[in-house]
């Protein structure tokens, strides 16, 4: 909590124009078949089992979709599916080189004129990822606080894209 407060104080003097240059990004898991949390139903032992007491399940990780997406001040960026459900630094750099690049081109953004936000996941902080960002002259927010609340607008955008696929 303290780190988030320090981060907010450090950036409190940013202008609207500076914030408009931030491209926010994140990965998310979308459950196709409902929640992956526990659900409980109460019934008397003598009551018959009802359809709403049952939940359809799919084994071996099926039924979920991993997505990466970004959002800019100009609108939503492109999103992509992470097909095997796992992302390492190489996969992440490929996403930056394709999906993020497509977003940049769509909005006519220059790499050196944006601030790229991603969290402090190990694949984002990998030496090869930092080298990729540096080679493309991308200014990135390197001190994004861990466990920061998700950007609701970004998750909403990815969810809407998923619904419309």
N, C-alpha and C. Protein backbone atom coordinates (compact mmCIF):
# COMPACT_ATOMS: atom_id res chain seq x y z
N UNK A 1 0.82 -1.18 0.00
CA UNK A 1 0.00 0.00 0.00
C UNK A 1 0.88 1.26 0.00
N UNK A 2 1.94 1.25 0.79
CA UNK A 2 2.83 2.40 0.89
C UNK A 2 3.48 2.70 -0.46
N UNK A 3 3.90 1.64 -1.17
CA UNK A 3 4.54 1.83 -2.47
C UNK A 3 3.57 2.48 -3.46
N UNK A 4 2.29 2.08 -3.42
CA UNK A 4 1.31 2.68 -4.32
C UNK A 4 1.11 4.16 -4.02
N UNK A 5 1.09 4.49 -2.72
CA UNK A 5 0.94 5.89 -2.32
C UNK A 5 2.15 6.71 -2.80
N UNK A 6 3.35 6.17 -2.60
CA UNK A 6 4.56 6.86 -3.06
C UNK A 6 4.53 7.05 -4.58
N UNK A 7 4.09 6.01 -5.30
CA UNK A 7 4.00 6.10 -6.75
C UNK A 7 3.02 7.19 -7.16
N UNK A 8 1.86 7.24 -6.50
CA UNK A 8 0.85 8.25 -6.81
C UNK A 8 1.38 9.66 -6.55
N UNK A 9 2.09 9.83 -5.44
CA UNK A 9 2.66 11.15 -5.13
C UNK A 9 3.71 11.55 -6.16
N UNK A 10 4.50 10.57 -6.60
CA UNK A 10 5.54 10.84 -7.60
C UNK A 10 4.94 11.31 -8.92
N UNK A 11 3.75 10.82 -9.25
CA UNK A 11 3.13 11.13 -10.54
C UNK A 11 1.96 12.11 -10.42
N UNK A 12 1.77 12.69 -9.26
CA UNK A 12 0.61 13.58 -9.07
C UNK A 12 0.69 14.86 -9.91
N UNK A 13 1.88 15.25 -10.31
CA UNK A 13 2.03 16.48 -11.08
C UNK A 13 2.03 16.25 -12.59
N UNK A 14 1.80 15.01 -13.01
CA UNK A 14 1.72 14.76 -14.45
C UNK A 14 0.54 15.55 -15.01
N UNK A 15 0.74 16.08 -16.19
CA UNK A 15 -0.33 16.83 -16.85
C UNK A 15 -1.28 15.86 -17.55
N UNK A 16 -2.41 16.38 -17.96
CA UNK A 16 -3.36 15.57 -18.72
C UNK A 16 -2.69 15.07 -19.99
N UNK A 17 -1.87 15.90 -20.61
CA UNK A 17 -1.19 15.49 -21.84
C UNK A 17 -0.24 14.32 -21.59
N UNK A 18 0.44 14.33 -20.45
CA UNK A 18 1.32 13.20 -20.14
C UNK A 18 0.51 11.93 -19.93
N UNK A 19 -0.60 12.02 -19.21
CA UNK A 19 -1.44 10.83 -18.98
C UNK A 19 -2.06 10.34 -20.28
N UNK A 20 -2.33 11.24 -21.20
CA UNK A 20 -2.90 10.83 -22.49
C UNK A 20 -1.90 10.01 -23.31
N UNK A 21 -0.63 10.10 -22.98
CA UNK A 21 0.40 9.34 -23.70
C UNK A 21 0.60 7.93 -23.15
N UNK A 22 -0.08 7.60 -22.06
CA UNK A 22 0.10 6.28 -21.46
C UNK A 22 -0.73 5.25 -22.21
N UNK A 23 -0.10 4.15 -22.57
CA UNK A 23 -0.79 2.99 -23.14
C UNK A 23 -0.80 1.94 -22.04
N UNK A 24 -1.99 1.67 -21.49
CA UNK A 24 -2.14 0.69 -20.42
C UNK A 24 -2.32 -0.69 -21.02
N UNK A 25 -1.71 -1.70 -20.40
CA UNK A 25 -1.83 -3.06 -20.92
C UNK A 25 -1.99 -4.04 -19.77
N UNK A 26 -2.54 -5.21 -20.10
CA UNK A 26 -2.69 -6.25 -19.09
C UNK A 26 -3.09 -7.55 -19.77
N UNK A 27 -2.90 -8.64 -19.05
CA UNK A 27 -3.40 -9.94 -19.46
C UNK A 27 -4.56 -10.28 -18.54
N UNK A 28 -5.47 -11.09 -19.05
CA UNK A 28 -6.58 -11.52 -18.21
C UNK A 28 -7.04 -12.90 -18.64
N UNK A 29 -7.60 -13.61 -17.68
CA UNK A 29 -8.20 -14.92 -17.96
C UNK A 29 -9.71 -14.73 -17.99
N UNK A 30 -10.34 -15.23 -19.04
CA UNK A 30 -11.79 -15.18 -19.16
C UNK A 30 -12.30 -16.61 -19.05
N UNK A 31 -13.17 -16.84 -18.11
CA UNK A 31 -13.77 -18.17 -17.95
C UNK A 31 -14.96 -18.29 -18.89
N UNK A 32 -14.92 -19.27 -19.76
CA UNK A 32 -15.99 -19.48 -20.72
C UNK A 32 -17.20 -20.09 -20.03
N UNK A 33 -16.97 -20.95 -19.05
CA UNK A 33 -18.05 -21.70 -18.41
C UNK A 33 -18.35 -21.20 -17.02
N UNK A 34 -18.23 -19.93 -16.74
CA UNK A 34 -18.58 -19.40 -15.43
C UNK A 34 -17.36 -19.22 -14.55
N UNK A 35 -17.61 -19.01 -13.29
CA UNK A 35 -16.57 -18.71 -12.31
C UNK A 35 -15.69 -19.92 -12.03
N UNK A 36 -14.44 -19.66 -11.67
CA UNK A 36 -13.59 -20.75 -11.19
C UNK A 36 -13.53 -20.75 -9.67
N UNK A 37 -14.40 -19.97 -9.05
CA UNK A 37 -14.52 -19.95 -7.60
C UNK A 37 -15.53 -20.99 -7.14
N UNK A 38 -15.66 -21.14 -5.84
CA UNK A 38 -16.60 -22.10 -5.27
C UNK A 38 -18.01 -21.53 -5.28
N UNK A 39 -18.97 -22.39 -5.51
CA UNK A 39 -20.38 -22.02 -5.42
C UNK A 39 -21.06 -23.00 -4.47
N UNK A 40 -21.95 -22.49 -3.67
CA UNK A 40 -22.65 -23.32 -2.71
C UNK A 40 -24.15 -23.15 -2.90
N UNK A 41 -24.88 -24.23 -2.75
CA UNK A 41 -26.33 -24.21 -2.80
C UNK A 41 -26.85 -24.94 -1.58
N UNK A 42 -27.93 -24.44 -1.04
CA UNK A 42 -28.52 -25.09 0.11
C UNK A 42 -29.80 -25.78 -0.32
N UNK A 43 -29.97 -27.01 0.13
CA UNK A 43 -31.21 -27.73 -0.09
C UNK A 43 -31.37 -28.75 1.02
N UNK A 44 -32.60 -29.10 1.29
CA UNK A 44 -32.87 -30.14 2.28
C UNK A 44 -32.49 -31.49 1.68
N UNK A 45 -32.07 -32.43 2.51
CA UNK A 45 -31.73 -33.75 1.98
C UNK A 45 -32.86 -34.41 1.20
N UNK A 46 -34.08 -34.09 1.56
CA UNK A 46 -35.22 -34.71 0.87
C UNK A 46 -35.60 -34.00 -0.42
N UNK A 47 -35.06 -32.78 -0.64
CA UNK A 47 -35.38 -32.04 -1.87
C UNK A 47 -34.66 -32.66 -3.06
N UNK A 48 -35.34 -32.70 -4.21
CA UNK A 48 -34.65 -33.23 -5.40
C UNK A 48 -33.58 -32.25 -5.90
N UNK A 49 -32.61 -32.80 -6.56
CA UNK A 49 -31.55 -31.97 -7.15
C UNK A 49 -32.15 -31.17 -8.30
N UNK A 50 -31.85 -29.87 -8.34
CA UNK A 50 -32.38 -28.97 -9.37
C UNK A 50 -31.27 -28.61 -10.36
N UNK A 51 -31.64 -28.24 -11.59
CA UNK A 51 -30.62 -27.89 -12.58
C UNK A 51 -29.67 -26.78 -12.13
N UNK A 52 -30.17 -25.81 -11.36
CA UNK A 52 -29.29 -24.73 -10.93
C UNK A 52 -28.32 -25.16 -9.82
N UNK A 53 -28.47 -26.38 -9.33
CA UNK A 53 -27.52 -26.92 -8.35
C UNK A 53 -26.30 -27.53 -9.04
N UNK A 54 -26.38 -27.73 -10.32
CA UNK A 54 -25.31 -28.38 -11.08
C UNK A 54 -24.55 -27.34 -11.89
N UNK A 55 -23.29 -27.61 -12.09
CA UNK A 55 -22.47 -26.71 -12.90
C UNK A 55 -21.70 -27.53 -13.92
N UNK A 56 -21.76 -27.09 -15.16
CA UNK A 56 -21.04 -27.74 -16.24
C UNK A 56 -19.54 -27.50 -16.05
N UNK A 57 -18.74 -28.51 -16.18
CA UNK A 57 -17.29 -28.36 -16.05
C UNK A 57 -16.60 -28.96 -17.27
N UNK A 58 -15.40 -28.49 -17.50
CA UNK A 58 -14.57 -29.00 -18.57
C UNK A 58 -13.22 -29.32 -17.96
N UNK A 59 -12.68 -30.49 -18.24
CA UNK A 59 -11.43 -30.91 -17.63
C UNK A 59 -10.20 -30.36 -18.36
N UNK A 60 -9.10 -30.38 -17.64
CA UNK A 60 -7.77 -30.08 -18.18
C UNK A 60 -7.63 -28.65 -18.69
N UNK A 61 -8.22 -27.69 -17.99
CA UNK A 61 -8.00 -26.29 -18.31
C UNK A 61 -8.80 -25.74 -19.47
N UNK A 62 -9.59 -26.59 -20.12
CA UNK A 62 -10.44 -26.07 -21.20
C UNK A 62 -11.51 -25.18 -20.57
N UNK A 63 -12.08 -24.34 -21.36
CA UNK A 63 -13.12 -23.46 -20.83
C UNK A 63 -12.60 -22.13 -20.34
N UNK A 64 -11.33 -21.86 -20.56
CA UNK A 64 -10.80 -20.54 -20.21
C UNK A 64 -10.05 -19.99 -21.41
N UNK A 65 -9.98 -18.69 -21.44
CA UNK A 65 -9.34 -18.00 -22.55
C UNK A 65 -8.42 -16.96 -21.95
N UNK A 66 -7.14 -17.00 -22.32
CA UNK A 66 -6.18 -15.99 -21.87
C UNK A 66 -6.05 -14.94 -22.96
N UNK A 67 -6.15 -13.67 -22.55
CA UNK A 67 -6.09 -12.57 -23.50
C UNK A 67 -5.09 -11.52 -23.03
N UNK A 68 -4.49 -10.83 -23.98
CA UNK A 68 -3.68 -9.65 -23.71
C UNK A 68 -4.34 -8.51 -24.47
N UNK A 69 -4.39 -7.34 -23.84
CA UNK A 69 -4.97 -6.19 -24.51
C UNK A 69 -4.37 -4.91 -23.97
N UNK A 70 -4.66 -3.83 -24.67
CA UNK A 70 -4.19 -2.52 -24.23
C UNK A 70 -5.27 -1.49 -24.53
N UNK A 71 -5.14 -0.35 -23.88
CA UNK A 71 -6.09 0.74 -24.10
C UNK A 71 -5.30 2.04 -24.10
N UNK A 72 -5.71 2.95 -24.96
CA UNK A 72 -5.03 4.23 -25.10
C UNK A 72 -6.04 5.35 -24.85
N UNK A 73 -5.56 6.56 -24.80
CA UNK A 73 -6.46 7.70 -24.64
C UNK A 73 -7.33 7.90 -25.88
N UNK A 74 -6.90 7.34 -27.00
CA UNK A 74 -7.66 7.45 -28.25
C UNK A 74 -8.72 6.37 -28.39
N UNK A 75 -8.60 5.31 -27.60
CA UNK A 75 -9.56 4.21 -27.68
C UNK A 75 -8.87 2.89 -27.38
N UNK A 76 -9.63 1.79 -27.51
CA UNK A 76 -9.05 0.48 -27.21
C UNK A 76 -8.01 0.09 -28.25
N UNK A 77 -7.01 -0.64 -27.79
CA UNK A 77 -6.02 -1.18 -28.70
C UNK A 77 -6.44 -2.56 -29.15
N UNK A 78 -5.60 -3.16 -29.94
CA UNK A 78 -5.87 -4.53 -30.38
C UNK A 78 -5.66 -5.47 -29.20
N UNK A 79 -6.36 -6.58 -29.24
CA UNK A 79 -6.20 -7.62 -28.22
C UNK A 79 -5.80 -8.91 -28.93
N UNK A 80 -5.20 -9.82 -28.20
CA UNK A 80 -4.84 -11.10 -28.79
C UNK A 80 -5.02 -12.20 -27.77
N UNK A 81 -5.25 -13.38 -28.28
CA UNK A 81 -5.38 -14.55 -27.42
C UNK A 81 -4.01 -15.15 -27.19
N UNK A 82 -3.78 -15.59 -25.97
CA UNK A 82 -2.55 -16.30 -25.61
C UNK A 82 -2.92 -17.77 -25.68
N UNK A 83 -2.53 -18.43 -26.76
CA UNK A 83 -3.12 -19.72 -27.11
C UNK A 83 -2.83 -20.86 -26.16
N UNK A 84 -1.64 -20.98 -25.65
CA UNK A 84 -1.39 -22.13 -24.77
C UNK A 84 -1.68 -21.80 -23.31
N UNK A 85 -2.18 -20.60 -23.06
CA UNK A 85 -2.55 -20.21 -21.70
C UNK A 85 -1.39 -19.75 -20.85
N UNK A 86 -0.19 -19.92 -21.33
CA UNK A 86 0.99 -19.49 -20.59
C UNK A 86 1.79 -18.51 -21.44
N UNK A 87 2.35 -17.54 -20.77
CA UNK A 87 3.14 -16.56 -21.51
C UNK A 87 4.49 -16.42 -20.84
N UNK A 88 5.53 -16.54 -21.63
CA UNK A 88 6.89 -16.28 -21.14
C UNK A 88 7.38 -15.00 -21.82
N UNK A 89 8.62 -14.63 -21.57
CA UNK A 89 9.16 -13.39 -22.12
C UNK A 89 9.16 -13.39 -23.65
N UNK A 90 9.47 -14.53 -24.27
CA UNK A 90 9.49 -14.59 -25.74
C UNK A 90 8.10 -14.35 -26.32
N UNK A 91 7.09 -14.99 -25.74
CA UNK A 91 5.72 -14.80 -26.21
C UNK A 91 5.30 -13.35 -26.00
N UNK A 92 5.65 -12.79 -24.84
CA UNK A 92 5.29 -11.41 -24.54
C UNK A 92 5.92 -10.44 -25.55
N UNK A 93 7.18 -10.65 -25.86
CA UNK A 93 7.86 -9.78 -26.83
C UNK A 93 7.23 -9.91 -28.22
N UNK A 94 6.78 -11.12 -28.56
CA UNK A 94 6.08 -11.31 -29.84
C UNK A 94 4.77 -10.50 -29.84
N UNK A 95 4.06 -10.50 -28.72
CA UNK A 95 2.83 -9.71 -28.61
C UNK A 95 3.14 -8.23 -28.77
N UNK A 96 4.20 -7.77 -28.12
CA UNK A 96 4.59 -6.36 -28.25
C UNK A 96 4.92 -6.03 -29.70
N UNK A 97 5.60 -6.95 -30.36
CA UNK A 97 6.06 -6.71 -31.73
C UNK A 97 4.94 -6.81 -32.75
N UNK A 98 3.83 -7.43 -32.39
CA UNK A 98 2.72 -7.58 -33.34
C UNK A 98 1.50 -6.78 -32.88
N UNK A 99 0.89 -7.20 -31.80
CA UNK A 99 -0.37 -6.61 -31.37
C UNK A 99 -0.20 -5.17 -30.89
N UNK A 100 0.82 -4.92 -30.07
CA UNK A 100 1.06 -3.54 -29.64
C UNK A 100 1.48 -2.68 -30.83
N UNK A 101 2.33 -3.22 -31.69
CA UNK A 101 2.76 -2.48 -32.88
C UNK A 101 1.55 -2.12 -33.76
N UNK A 102 0.62 -3.06 -33.94
CA UNK A 102 -0.59 -2.78 -34.72
C UNK A 102 -1.40 -1.64 -34.10
N UNK A 103 -1.49 -1.63 -32.78
CA UNK A 103 -2.20 -0.56 -32.08
C UNK A 103 -1.51 0.78 -32.32
N UNK A 104 -0.19 0.77 -32.20
CA UNK A 104 0.59 2.00 -32.40
C UNK A 104 0.37 2.54 -33.82
N UNK A 105 0.40 1.65 -34.80
CA UNK A 105 0.21 2.08 -36.19
C UNK A 105 -1.21 2.57 -36.43
N UNK A 106 -2.19 1.90 -35.83
CA UNK A 106 -3.59 2.28 -36.02
C UNK A 106 -3.84 3.71 -35.55
N UNK A 107 -3.27 4.06 -34.39
CA UNK A 107 -3.47 5.40 -33.83
C UNK A 107 -2.37 6.39 -34.24
N UNK A 108 -1.48 5.98 -35.13
CA UNK A 108 -0.36 6.84 -35.56
C UNK A 108 0.48 7.33 -34.38
N UNK A 109 0.71 6.45 -33.43
CA UNK A 109 1.56 6.77 -32.29
C UNK A 109 3.00 6.49 -32.64
N UNK A 110 3.89 7.30 -32.12
CA UNK A 110 5.33 7.09 -32.26
C UNK A 110 5.81 6.42 -30.97
N UNK A 111 6.61 5.38 -31.11
CA UNK A 111 7.11 4.65 -29.94
C UNK A 111 7.70 5.59 -28.89
N UNK A 112 8.46 6.57 -29.32
CA UNK A 112 9.16 7.43 -28.36
C UNK A 112 8.25 8.49 -27.74
N UNK A 113 7.00 8.57 -28.19
CA UNK A 113 6.08 9.57 -27.65
C UNK A 113 5.04 8.99 -26.70
N UNK A 114 5.19 7.72 -26.33
CA UNK A 114 4.23 7.13 -25.40
C UNK A 114 4.94 6.69 -24.13
N UNK A 115 4.16 6.44 -23.12
CA UNK A 115 4.61 5.75 -21.91
C UNK A 115 3.87 4.43 -21.89
N UNK A 116 4.59 3.34 -21.94
CA UNK A 116 3.96 2.03 -21.95
C UNK A 116 3.87 1.51 -20.52
N UNK A 117 2.67 1.14 -20.11
CA UNK A 117 2.45 0.60 -18.76
C UNK A 117 2.24 -0.90 -18.86
N UNK A 118 2.96 -1.62 -18.06
CA UNK A 118 2.67 -3.02 -17.80
C UNK A 118 3.07 -3.27 -16.36
N UNK A 119 2.56 -4.35 -15.79
CA UNK A 119 2.85 -4.58 -14.38
C UNK A 119 4.25 -5.18 -14.23
N UNK A 120 4.59 -5.54 -13.03
CA UNK A 120 5.95 -6.02 -12.75
C UNK A 120 6.06 -7.54 -12.78
N UNK A 121 5.30 -8.15 -13.65
CA UNK A 121 5.38 -9.59 -13.86
C UNK A 121 6.80 -9.93 -14.33
N UNK A 122 7.35 -11.07 -13.94
CA UNK A 122 8.72 -11.41 -14.34
C UNK A 122 8.97 -11.36 -15.85
N UNK A 123 8.01 -11.76 -16.66
CA UNK A 123 8.22 -11.71 -18.12
C UNK A 123 8.29 -10.28 -18.64
N UNK A 124 7.67 -9.34 -17.91
CA UNK A 124 7.72 -7.93 -18.30
C UNK A 124 9.05 -7.30 -17.89
N UNK A 125 9.66 -7.83 -16.85
CA UNK A 125 10.91 -7.27 -16.34
C UNK A 125 12.13 -8.07 -16.80
N UNK A 126 11.90 -9.10 -17.62
CA UNK A 126 13.01 -9.92 -18.11
C UNK A 126 14.01 -9.05 -18.88
N UNK A 127 15.28 -9.39 -18.79
CA UNK A 127 16.32 -8.62 -19.49
C UNK A 127 16.02 -8.51 -20.98
N UNK A 128 15.54 -9.60 -21.58
CA UNK A 128 15.25 -9.57 -23.02
C UNK A 128 14.07 -8.65 -23.33
N UNK A 129 13.09 -8.57 -22.44
CA UNK A 129 11.96 -7.66 -22.65
C UNK A 129 12.41 -6.22 -22.52
N UNK A 130 13.21 -5.93 -21.49
CA UNK A 130 13.74 -4.58 -21.31
C UNK A 130 14.58 -4.18 -22.53
N UNK A 131 15.37 -5.12 -23.04
CA UNK A 131 16.18 -4.84 -24.24
C UNK A 131 15.27 -4.56 -25.44
N UNK A 132 14.17 -5.32 -25.57
CA UNK A 132 13.22 -5.08 -26.67
C UNK A 132 12.65 -3.67 -26.58
N UNK A 133 12.22 -3.28 -25.38
CA UNK A 133 11.65 -1.94 -25.17
C UNK A 133 12.70 -0.86 -25.48
N UNK A 134 13.92 -1.07 -25.00
CA UNK A 134 14.99 -0.10 -25.24
C UNK A 134 15.33 0.00 -26.73
N UNK A 135 15.40 -1.14 -27.41
CA UNK A 135 15.72 -1.15 -28.84
C UNK A 135 14.66 -0.42 -29.67
N UNK A 136 13.42 -0.43 -29.19
CA UNK A 136 12.32 0.24 -29.90
C UNK A 136 12.06 1.64 -29.35
N UNK A 137 12.94 2.09 -28.46
CA UNK A 137 12.86 3.43 -27.87
C UNK A 137 11.51 3.68 -27.20
N UNK A 138 11.00 2.65 -26.52
CA UNK A 138 9.73 2.76 -25.81
C UNK A 138 10.00 3.23 -24.39
N UNK A 139 9.39 4.34 -24.02
CA UNK A 139 9.45 4.77 -22.62
C UNK A 139 8.40 3.96 -21.88
N UNK A 140 8.81 3.33 -20.81
CA UNK A 140 7.87 2.49 -20.08
C UNK A 140 7.88 2.87 -18.61
N UNK A 141 6.78 2.61 -17.97
CA UNK A 141 6.65 2.89 -16.54
C UNK A 141 7.23 1.68 -15.82
N UNK A 142 8.44 1.84 -15.30
CA UNK A 142 9.17 0.71 -14.73
C UNK A 142 8.86 0.47 -13.26
N UNK A 143 8.23 1.44 -12.63
CA UNK A 143 8.00 1.30 -11.19
C UNK A 143 6.52 1.12 -10.86
N UNK A 144 5.78 0.51 -11.79
CA UNK A 144 4.35 0.28 -11.54
C UNK A 144 4.19 -0.56 -10.28
N UNK A 145 3.40 -0.11 -9.32
CA UNK A 145 3.30 -0.83 -8.04
C UNK A 145 2.71 -2.23 -8.21
N UNK A 146 3.30 -3.18 -7.53
CA UNK A 146 2.79 -4.55 -7.55
C UNK A 146 1.41 -4.58 -6.90
N UNK A 147 0.61 -5.52 -7.34
CA UNK A 147 -0.74 -5.73 -6.80
C UNK A 147 -1.61 -4.49 -6.91
N UNK A 148 -1.38 -3.68 -7.93
CA UNK A 148 -2.23 -2.52 -8.14
C UNK A 148 -3.58 -2.98 -8.66
N UNK A 149 -4.63 -2.26 -8.32
CA UNK A 149 -5.94 -2.66 -8.82
C UNK A 149 -5.94 -2.68 -10.35
N UNK A 150 -6.66 -3.64 -10.90
CA UNK A 150 -6.74 -3.73 -12.35
C UNK A 150 -7.46 -2.52 -12.91
N UNK A 151 -7.11 -2.18 -14.12
CA UNK A 151 -7.80 -1.08 -14.79
C UNK A 151 -9.10 -1.63 -15.33
N UNK A 152 -10.19 -1.24 -14.68
CA UNK A 152 -11.51 -1.77 -15.00
C UNK A 152 -11.86 -1.54 -16.47
N UNK A 153 -11.53 -0.37 -17.00
CA UNK A 153 -11.88 -0.08 -18.39
C UNK A 153 -11.17 -1.05 -19.33
N UNK A 154 -9.95 -1.42 -18.99
CA UNK A 154 -9.20 -2.35 -19.85
C UNK A 154 -9.81 -3.74 -19.79
N UNK A 155 -10.12 -4.21 -18.59
CA UNK A 155 -10.75 -5.52 -18.47
C UNK A 155 -12.10 -5.54 -19.17
N UNK A 156 -12.85 -4.44 -19.04
CA UNK A 156 -14.14 -4.33 -19.70
C UNK A 156 -13.96 -4.41 -21.21
N UNK A 157 -12.97 -3.72 -21.74
CA UNK A 157 -12.72 -3.72 -23.18
C UNK A 157 -12.42 -5.12 -23.68
N UNK A 158 -11.54 -5.84 -22.97
CA UNK A 158 -11.20 -7.20 -23.38
C UNK A 158 -12.43 -8.09 -23.29
N UNK A 159 -13.25 -7.91 -22.25
CA UNK A 159 -14.46 -8.72 -22.09
C UNK A 159 -15.44 -8.46 -23.23
N UNK A 160 -15.63 -7.20 -23.59
CA UNK A 160 -16.53 -6.86 -24.70
C UNK A 160 -16.02 -7.46 -26.00
N UNK A 161 -14.71 -7.39 -26.23
CA UNK A 161 -14.14 -8.00 -27.43
C UNK A 161 -14.41 -9.49 -27.45
N UNK A 162 -14.26 -10.14 -26.30
CA UNK A 162 -14.49 -11.58 -26.22
C UNK A 162 -15.94 -11.92 -26.53
N UNK A 163 -16.87 -11.16 -25.96
CA UNK A 163 -18.29 -11.42 -26.18
C UNK A 163 -18.64 -11.31 -27.66
N UNK A 164 -17.99 -10.40 -28.35
CA UNK A 164 -18.32 -10.15 -29.75
C UNK A 164 -17.54 -11.03 -30.72
N UNK A 165 -16.69 -11.91 -30.21
CA UNK A 165 -15.92 -12.80 -31.10
C UNK A 165 -16.81 -13.93 -31.57
